[in-house]
PDB file of N, CA and C in Angstrom:
ATOM      1  N   MET A   1      61.064 143.190  84.503  1.00  0.00           N
ATOM      2  CA  MET A   1      61.310 141.783  83.930  1.00  0.00           C
ATOM      3  C   MET A   1      60.977 140.756  84.940  1.00  0.00           C
ATOM      4  N   PRO A   2      60.153 139.808  84.698  1.00  0.00           N
ATOM      5  CA  PRO A   2      59.963 138.741  85.629  1.00  0.00           C
ATOM      6  C   PRO A   2      61.143 137.828  85.918  1.00  0.00           C
ATOM      7  N   ALA A   3      61.152 137.235  87.209  1.00  0.00           N
ATOM      8  CA  ALA A   3      62.318 136.562  87.585  1.00  0.00           C
ATOM      9  C   ALA A   3      62.335 135.075  86.668  1.00  0.00           C
ATOM     10  N   GLY A   4      63.540 134.779  86.295  1.00  0.00           N
ATOM     11  CA  GLY A   4      63.636 133.553  85.549  1.00  0.00           C
ATOM     12  C   GLY A   4      63.663 133.696  84.010  1.00  0.00           C
ATOM     13  N   ASP A   5      63.292 134.881  83.585  1.00  0.00           N
ATOM     14  CA  ASP A   5      63.373 135.174  82.068  1.00  0.00           C
ATOM     15  C   ASP A   5      64.721 135.539  81.759  1.00  0.00           C
ATOM     16  N   PRO A   6      65.126 135.149  80.525  1.00  0.00           N
ATOM     17  CA  PRO A   6      66.569 135.581  80.095  1.00  0.00           C
ATOM     18  C   PRO A   6      66.578 137.049  79.884  1.00  0.00           C
ATOM     19  N   PRO A   7      67.845 137.646  80.042  1.00  0.00           N
ATOM     20  CA  PRO A   7      67.853 139.048  79.802  1.00  0.00           C
ATOM     21  C   PRO A   7      67.445 139.295  78.437  1.00  0.00           C
ATOM     22  N   ILE A   8      66.920 140.621  78.161  1.00  0.00           N
ATOM     23  CA  ILE A   8      66.684 141.073  76.879  1.00  0.00           C
ATOM     24  C   ILE A   8      67.798 141.077  75.924  1.00  0.00           C
ATOM     25  N   GLY A   9      67.661 140.606  74.718  1.00  0.00           N
ATOM     26  CA  GLY A   9      68.758 140.586  73.728  1.00  0.00           C
ATOM     27  C   GLY A   9      69.348 139.100  73.654  1.00  0.00           C
ATOM     28  N   VAL A  10      69.011 138.185  74.499  1.00  0.00           N
ATOM     29  CA  VAL A  10      69.529 136.857  74.309  1.00  0.00           C
ATOM     30  C   VAL A  10      68.459 135.992  73.629  1.00  0.00           C
ATOM     31  N   ASN A  11      68.744 135.360  72.549  1.00  0.00           N
ATOM     32  CA  ASN A  11      68.025 134.624  71.708  1.00  0.00           C
ATOM     33  C   ASN A  11      67.474 133.266  72.407  1.00  0.00           C
ATOM     34  N   ALA A  12      66.185 133.068  72.466  1.00  0.00           N
ATOM     35  CA  ALA A  12      65.543 132.010  73.143  1.00  0.00           C
ATOM     36  C   ALA A  12      66.150 130.666  72.498  1.00  0.00           C
ATOM     37  N   GLN A  13      66.447 130.693  71.196  1.00  0.00           N
ATOM     38  CA  GLN A  13      66.903 129.365  70.761  1.00  0.00           C
ATOM     39  C   GLN A  13      68.312 129.016  71.290  1.00  0.00           C
ATOM     40  N   ILE A  14      69.058 130.000  71.737  1.00  0.00           N
ATOM     41  CA  ILE A  14      70.434 129.743  72.270  1.00  0.00           C
ATOM     42  C   ILE A  14      70.261 129.175  73.630  1.00  0.00           C
ATOM     43  N   THR A  15      69.398 129.857  74.369  1.00  0.00           N
ATOM     44  CA  THR A  15      69.118 129.403  75.804  1.00  0.00           C
ATOM     45  C   THR A  15      68.555 128.047  75.742  1.00  0.00           C
ATOM     46  N   ASP A  16      67.667 127.628  74.806  1.00  0.00           N
ATOM     47  CA  ASP A  16      67.187 126.365  74.507  1.00  0.00           C
ATOM     48  C   ASP A  16      68.233 125.347  74.226  1.00  0.00           C
ATOM     49  N   ALA A  17      69.065 125.621  73.308  1.00  0.00           N
ATOM     50  CA  ALA A  17      70.150 124.746  72.973  1.00  0.00           C
ATOM     51  C   ALA A  17      71.031 124.397  74.116  1.00  0.00           C
ATOM     52  N   ILE A  18      71.366 125.416  74.966  1.00  0.00           N
ATOM     53  CA  ILE A  18      72.153 125.170  76.043  1.00  0.00           C
ATOM     54  C   ILE A  18      71.638 124.296  77.059  1.00  0.00           C
ATOM     55  N   THR A  19      70.207 124.684  77.296  1.00  0.00           N
ATOM     56  CA  THR A  19      69.546 123.819  78.307  1.00  0.00           C
ATOM     57  C   THR A  19      69.450 122.299  77.861  1.00  0.00           C
ATOM     58  N   GLN A  20      69.242 122.161  76.678  1.00  0.00           N
ATOM     59  CA  GLN A  20      69.085 120.648  76.099  1.00  0.00           C
ATOM     60  C   GLN A  20      70.512 119.986  76.110  1.00  0.00           C
ATOM     61  N   THR A  21      71.656 120.792  75.901  1.00  0.00           N
ATOM     62  CA  THR A  21      72.857 120.153  75.963  1.00  0.00           C
ATOM     63  C   THR A  21      73.128 119.801  77.508  1.00  0.00           C
ATOM     64  N   ASN A  22      72.864 120.556  78.447  1.00  0.00           N
ATOM     65  CA  ASN A  22      72.875 120.232  79.823  1.00  0.00           C
ATOM     66  C   ASN A  22      72.173 119.021  80.238  1.00  0.00           C
ATOM     67  N   VAL A  23      70.959 118.987  79.712  1.00  0.00           N
ATOM     68  CA  VAL A  23      70.078 117.735  80.052  1.00  0.00           C
ATOM     69  C   VAL A  23      70.641 116.582  79.402  1.00  0.00           C
ATOM     70  N   LYS A  24      71.233 116.586  78.172  1.00  0.00           N
ATOM     71  CA  LYS A  24      71.952 115.515  77.502  1.00  0.00           C
ATOM     72  C   LYS A  24      72.978 114.990  78.326  1.00  0.00           C
ATOM     73  N   VAL A  25      73.919 115.899  78.885  1.00  0.00           N
ATOM     74  CA  VAL A  25      75.126 115.495  79.661  1.00  0.00           C
ATOM     75  C   VAL A  25      74.527 114.848  80.945  1.00  0.00           C
ATOM     76  N   LEU A  26      73.701 115.491  81.552  1.00  0.00           N
ATOM     77  CA  LEU A  26      73.237 114.870  82.874  1.00  0.00           C
ATOM     78  C   LEU A  26      72.489 113.480  82.607  1.00  0.00           C
ATOM     79  N   GLY A  27      71.825 113.311  81.437  1.00  0.00           N
ATOM     80  CA  GLY A  27      71.196 112.086  81.220  1.00  0.00           C
ATOM     81  C   GLY A  27      72.131 110.851  80.890  1.00  0.00           C
ATOM     82  N   GLU A  28      73.307 111.304  80.232  1.00  0.00           N
ATOM     83  CA  GLU A  28      74.227 110.225  79.815  1.00  0.00           C
ATOM     84  C   GLU A  28      75.238 109.995  80.979  1.00  0.00           C
ATOM     85  N   ALA A  29      75.306 110.755  82.052  1.00  0.00           N
ATOM     86  CA  ALA A  29      76.240 110.433  83.075  1.00  0.00           C
ATOM     87  C   ALA A  29      76.092 109.057  83.775  1.00  0.00           C
ATOM     88  N   PRO A  30      74.816 108.620  84.048  1.00  0.00           N
ATOM     89  CA  PRO A  30      74.744 107.270  84.719  1.00  0.00           C
ATOM     90  C   PRO A  30      75.358 106.217  83.802  1.00  0.00           C
ATOM     91  N   ALA A  31      74.954 106.376  82.529  1.00  0.00           N
ATOM     92  CA  ALA A  31      75.312 105.220  81.580  1.00  0.00           C
ATOM     93  C   ALA A  31      76.902 105.254  81.440  1.00  0.00           C
ATOM     94  N   ILE A  32      77.485 106.373  81.429  1.00  0.00           N
ATOM     95  CA  ILE A  32      78.944 106.506  81.262  1.00  0.00           C
ATOM     96  C   ILE A  32      79.650 105.855  82.577  1.00  0.00           C
ATOM     97  N   ALA A  33      79.074 106.288  83.799  1.00  0.00           N
ATOM     98  CA  ALA A  33      79.572 105.768  84.965  1.00  0.00           C
ATOM     99  C   ALA A  33      79.447 104.222  85.030  1.00  0.00           C
ATOM    100  N   MET A  34      78.302 103.599  84.697  1.00  0.00           N
ATOM    101  CA  MET A  34      78.097 102.132  84.729  1.00  0.00           C
ATOM    102  C   MET A  34      79.130 101.530  83.635  1.00  0.00           C
ATOM    103  N   GLY A  35      79.365 102.085  82.507  1.00  0.00           N
ATOM    104  CA  GLY A  35      80.262 101.592  81.603  1.00  0.00           C
ATOM    105  C   GLY A  35      81.660 101.506  82.102  1.00  0.00           C
ATOM    106  N   GLY A  36      82.088 102.618  82.885  1.00  0.00           N
ATOM    107  CA  GLY A  36      83.357 102.589  83.616  1.00  0.00           C
ATOM    108  C   GLY A  36      83.458 101.535  84.586  1.00  0.00           C
ATOM    109  N   LEU A  37      82.370 101.243  85.229  1.00  0.00           N
ATOM    110  CA  LEU A  37      82.438 100.256  86.476  1.00  0.00           C
ATOM    111  C   LEU A  37      82.383  98.848  85.922  1.00  0.00           C
ATOM    112  N   TYR A  38      81.700  98.678  84.697  1.00  0.00           N
ATOM    113  CA  TYR A  38      81.704  97.391  84.013  1.00  0.00           C
ATOM    114  C   TYR A  38      83.190  97.091  83.458  1.00  0.00           C
ATOM    115  N   GLN A  39      83.771  98.124  82.967  1.00  0.00           N
ATOM    116  CA  GLN A  39      85.335  97.863  82.420  1.00  0.00           C
ATOM    117  C   GLN A  39      86.201  97.595  83.598  1.00  0.00           C
ATOM    118  N   THR A  40      85.997  98.124  84.736  1.00  0.00           N
ATOM    119  CA  THR A  40      86.788  97.891  85.878  1.00  0.00           C
ATOM    120  C   THR A  40      86.539  96.418  86.388  1.00  0.00           C
ATOM    121  N   ILE A  41      85.307  96.081  86.502  1.00  0.00           N
ATOM    122  CA  ILE A  41      85.021  94.742  86.920  1.00  0.00           C
ATOM    123  C   ILE A  41      85.443  93.737  85.849  1.00  0.00           C
ATOM    124  N   GLY A  42      85.426  93.849  84.767  1.00  0.00           N
ATOM    125  CA  GLY A  42      85.806  93.075  83.751  1.00  0.00           C
ATOM    126  C   GLY A  42      87.447  92.914  83.839  1.00  0.00           C
ATOM    127  N   ASN A  43      88.194  93.928  83.985  1.00  0.00           N
ATOM    128  CA  ASN A  43      89.662  93.837  84.168  1.00  0.00           C
ATOM    129  C   ASN A  43      89.969  93.071  85.364  1.00  0.00           C
ATOM    130  N   SER A  44      89.200  93.428  86.546  1.00  0.00           N
ATOM    131  CA  SER A  44      89.536  92.634  87.743  1.00  0.00           C
ATOM    132  C   SER A  44      89.289  91.176  87.567  1.00  0.00           C
ATOM    133  N   VAL A  45      88.267  90.777  86.892  1.00  0.00           N
ATOM    134  CA  VAL A  45      88.048  89.269  86.755  1.00  0.00           C
ATOM    135  C   VAL A  45      88.923  88.644  85.821  1.00  0.00           C
ATOM    136  N   ALA A  46      89.506  89.351  84.807  1.00  0.00           N
ATOM    137  CA  ALA A  46      90.466  88.837  83.995  1.00  0.00           C
ATOM    138  C   ALA A  46      91.819  88.734  84.730  1.00  0.00           C
ATOM    139  N   MET A  47      92.109  89.723  85.604  1.00  0.00           N
ATOM    140  CA  MET A  47      93.401  89.502  86.271  1.00  0.00           C
ATOM    141  C   MET A  47      93.282  88.394  87.175  1.00  0.00           C
ATOM    142  N   ALA A  48      92.159  88.167  87.845  1.00  0.00           N
ATOM    143  CA  ALA A  48      91.953  87.036  88.851  1.00  0.00           C
ATOM    144  C   ALA A  48      92.085  85.682  88.116  1.00  0.00           C
ATOM    145  N   ALA A  49      91.575  85.577  86.962  1.00  0.00           N
ATOM    146  CA  ALA A  49      91.655  84.444  86.225  1.00  0.00           C
ATOM    147  C   ALA A  49      93.081  84.239  85.888  1.00  0.00           C
ATOM    148  N   SER A  50      93.841  85.292  85.483  1.00  0.00           N
ATOM    149  CA  SER A  50      95.205  85.079  85.085  1.00  0.00           C
ATOM    150  C   SER A  50      96.116  84.679  86.311  1.00  0.00           C
ATOM    151  N   ASN A  51      95.796  85.196  87.404  1.00  0.00           N
ATOM    152  CA  ASN A  51      96.457  84.835  88.540  1.00  0.00           C
ATOM    153  C   ASN A  51      96.254  83.444  88.949  1.00  0.00           C
ATOM    154  N   ASN A  52      95.007  82.948  88.683  1.00  0.00           N
ATOM    155  CA  ASN A  52      94.712  81.546  88.923  1.00  0.00           C
ATOM    156  C   ASN A  52      95.376  80.627  88.044  1.00  0.00           C
ATOM    157  N   VAL A  53      95.466  80.856  86.807  1.00  0.00           N
ATOM    158  CA  VAL A  53      96.281  80.112  85.852  1.00  0.00           C
ATOM    159  C   VAL A  53      97.759  80.071  86.309  1.00  0.00           C
ATOM    160  N   TYR A  54      98.316  81.237  86.593  1.00  0.00           N
ATOM    161  CA  TYR A  54      99.662  81.286  86.957  1.00  0.00           C
ATOM    162  C   TYR A  54     100.008  80.404  88.239  1.00  0.00           C
ATOM    163  N   SER A  55      99.123  80.550  89.124  1.00  0.00           N
ATOM    164  CA  SER A  55      99.186  79.747  90.428  1.00  0.00           C
ATOM    165  C   SER A  55      99.204  78.262  90.178  1.00  0.00           C
ATOM    166  N   GLN A  56      98.166  77.704  89.174  1.00  0.00           N
ATOM    167  CA  GLN A  56      98.095  76.386  88.900  1.00  0.00           C
ATOM    168  C   GLN A  56      99.472  75.956  88.182  1.00  0.00           C
ATOM    169  N   HIS A  57      99.936  76.789  87.257  1.00  0.00           N
ATOM    170  CA  HIS A  57     101.225  76.461  86.632  1.00  0.00           C
ATOM    171  C   HIS A  57     102.414  76.201  87.580  1.00  0.00           C
ATOM    172  N   GLN A  58     102.488  77.163  88.477  1.00  0.00           N
ATOM    173  CA  GLN A  58     103.588  77.129  89.416  1.00  0.00           C
ATOM    174  C   GLN A  58     103.429  75.753  90.310  1.00  0.00           C
ATOM    175  N   GLY A  59     102.085  75.575  90.747  1.00  0.00           N
ATOM    176  CA  GLY A  59     101.878  74.365  91.394  1.00  0.00           C
ATOM    177  C   GLY A  59     102.377  73.057  90.752  1.00  0.00           C
ATOM    178  N   ASN A  60     102.032  73.046  89.523  1.00  0.00           N
ATOM    179  CA  ASN A  60     102.360  71.856  88.572  1.00  0.00           C
ATOM    180  C   ASN A  60     103.846  71.764  88.482  1.00  0.00           C
ATOM    181  N   VAL A  61     104.591  72.737  88.435  1.00  0.00           N
ATOM    182  CA  VAL A  61     105.979  72.810  88.119  1.00  0.00           C
ATOM    183  C   VAL A  61     106.636  72.334  89.572  1.00  0.00           C
ATOM    184  N   THR A  62     106.018  72.595  90.720  1.00  0.00           N
ATOM    185  CA  THR A  62     106.550  72.245  91.967  1.00  0.00           C
ATOM    186  C   THR A  62     106.256  70.824  92.211  1.00  0.00           C
ATOM    187  N   TYR A  63     104.989  70.276  91.880  1.00  0.00           N
ATOM    188  CA  TYR A  63     104.670  68.995  92.050  1.00  0.00           C
ATOM    189  C   TYR A  63     105.603  67.934  91.065  1.00  0.00           C
ATOM    190  N   GLN A  64     105.933  68.402  89.871  1.00  0.00           N
ATOM    191  CA  GLN A  64     106.642  67.742  89.018  1.00  0.00           C
ATOM    192  C   GLN A  64     108.143  67.595  89.438  1.00  0.00           C
ATOM    193  N   ALA A  65     108.603  68.752  90.044  1.00  0.00           N
ATOM    194  CA  ALA A  65     109.988  68.702  90.533  1.00  0.00           C
ATOM    195  C   ALA A  65     109.881  67.725  91.769  1.00  0.00           C
ATOM    196  N   ALA A  66     108.979  67.793  92.688  1.00  0.00           N
ATOM    197  CA  ALA A  66     108.860  66.843  93.823  1.00  0.00           C
ATOM    198  C   ALA A  66     108.868  65.322  93.448  1.00  0.00           C
ATOM    199  N   SER A  67     108.135  65.144  92.335  1.00  0.00           N
ATOM    200  CA  SER A  67     107.923  63.764  91.768  1.00  0.00           C
ATOM    201  C   SER A  67     109.365  63.248  91.221  1.00  0.00           C
ATOM    202  N   THR A  68     109.901  64.162  90.506  1.00  0.00           N
ATOM    203  CA  THR A  68     111.219  63.897  89.882  1.00  0.00           C
ATOM    204  C   THR A  68     112.231  63.434  90.937  1.00  0.00           C
ATOM    205  N   MET A  69     112.303  64.264  92.049  1.00  0.00           N
ATOM    206  CA  MET A  69     113.293  63.969  93.116  1.00  0.00           C
ATOM    207  C   MET A  69     112.895  62.691  93.797  1.00  0.00           C
ATOM    208  N   GLY A  70     111.605  62.421  93.969  1.00  0.00           N
ATOM    209  CA  GLY A  70     111.245  61.197  94.631  1.00  0.00           C
ATOM    210  C   GLY A  70     111.766  60.100  93.824  1.00  0.00           C
ATOM    211  N   VAL A  71     111.526  60.011  92.487  1.00  0.00           N
ATOM    212  CA  VAL A  71     111.869  58.865  91.650  1.00  0.00           C
ATOM    213  C   VAL A  71     113.362  58.818  91.645  1.00  0.00           C
ATOM    214  N   ALA A  72     114.098  59.949  91.594  1.00  0.00           N
ATOM    215  CA  ALA A  72     115.543  59.771  91.658  1.00  0.00           C
ATOM    216  C   ALA A  72     115.970  59.155  92.844  1.00  0.00           C
ATOM    217  N   LYS A  73     115.402  59.491  93.978  1.00  0.00           N
ATOM    218  CA  LYS A  73     115.749  58.980  95.263  1.00  0.00           C
ATOM    219  C   LYS A  73     115.499  57.417  95.289  1.00  0.00           C
ATOM    220  N   LEU A  74     114.326  57.177  94.772  1.00  0.00           N
ATOM    221  CA  LEU A  74     114.022  55.648  94.740  1.00  0.00           C
ATOM    222  C   LEU A  74     114.990  54.899  93.869  1.00  0.00           C
ATOM    223  N   LEU A  75     115.429  55.438  92.650  1.00  0.00           N
ATOM    224  CA  LEU A  75     116.257  54.818  91.685  1.00  0.00           C
ATOM    225  C   LEU A  75     117.708  54.668  92.294  1.00  0.00           C
ATOM    226  N   SER A  76     118.013  55.530  93.280  1.00  0.00           N
ATOM    227  CA  SER A  76     119.425  55.555  93.795  1.00  0.00           C
ATOM    228  C   SER A  76     119.626  54.664  94.879  1.00  0.00           C
ATOM    229  N   LEU A  77     118.430  53.993  95.416  1.00  0.00           N
ATOM    230  CA  LEU A  77     118.591  53.127  96.544  1.00  0.00           C
ATOM    231  C   LEU A  77     119.281  51.721  96.103  1.00  0.00           C
ATOM    232  N   LYS A  78     120.025  51.252  96.926  1.00  0.00           N
ATOM    233  CA  LYS A  78     120.717  49.879  96.462  1.00  0.00           C
ATOM    234  C   LYS A  78     119.998  48.919  97.145  1.00  0.00           C
ATOM    235  N   LEU A  79     119.473  48.043  96.462  1.00  0.00           N
ATOM    236  CA  LEU A  79     118.710  46.909  97.021  1.00  0.00           C
ATOM    237  C   LEU A  79     119.667  45.748  97.137  1.00  0.00           C
ATOM    238  N   THR A  80     119.665  45.044  98.199  1.00  0.00           N
ATOM    239  CA  THR A  80     120.461  43.913  98.502  1.00  0.00           C
ATOM    240  C   THR A  80     119.686  42.580  98.491  1.00  0.00           C
TER     241      THR A  80
END
């Protein structure tokens, strides 16, 4: 029996189906990997945007509190 031939008794259609399945899996692997990468990047960008919005909100709360305290201080001054 020459090297590389399937053993006698194995149907050539079976070996062909297995080979095609392996080729399909190997062919899809890069696309699946890129899909996972794109999902990770999308989630990271969304989290960065969310953190930025939260930061701006907290800054505005702080600025409003400082302004309120400044106005309260000005209104409490006794002018003579």
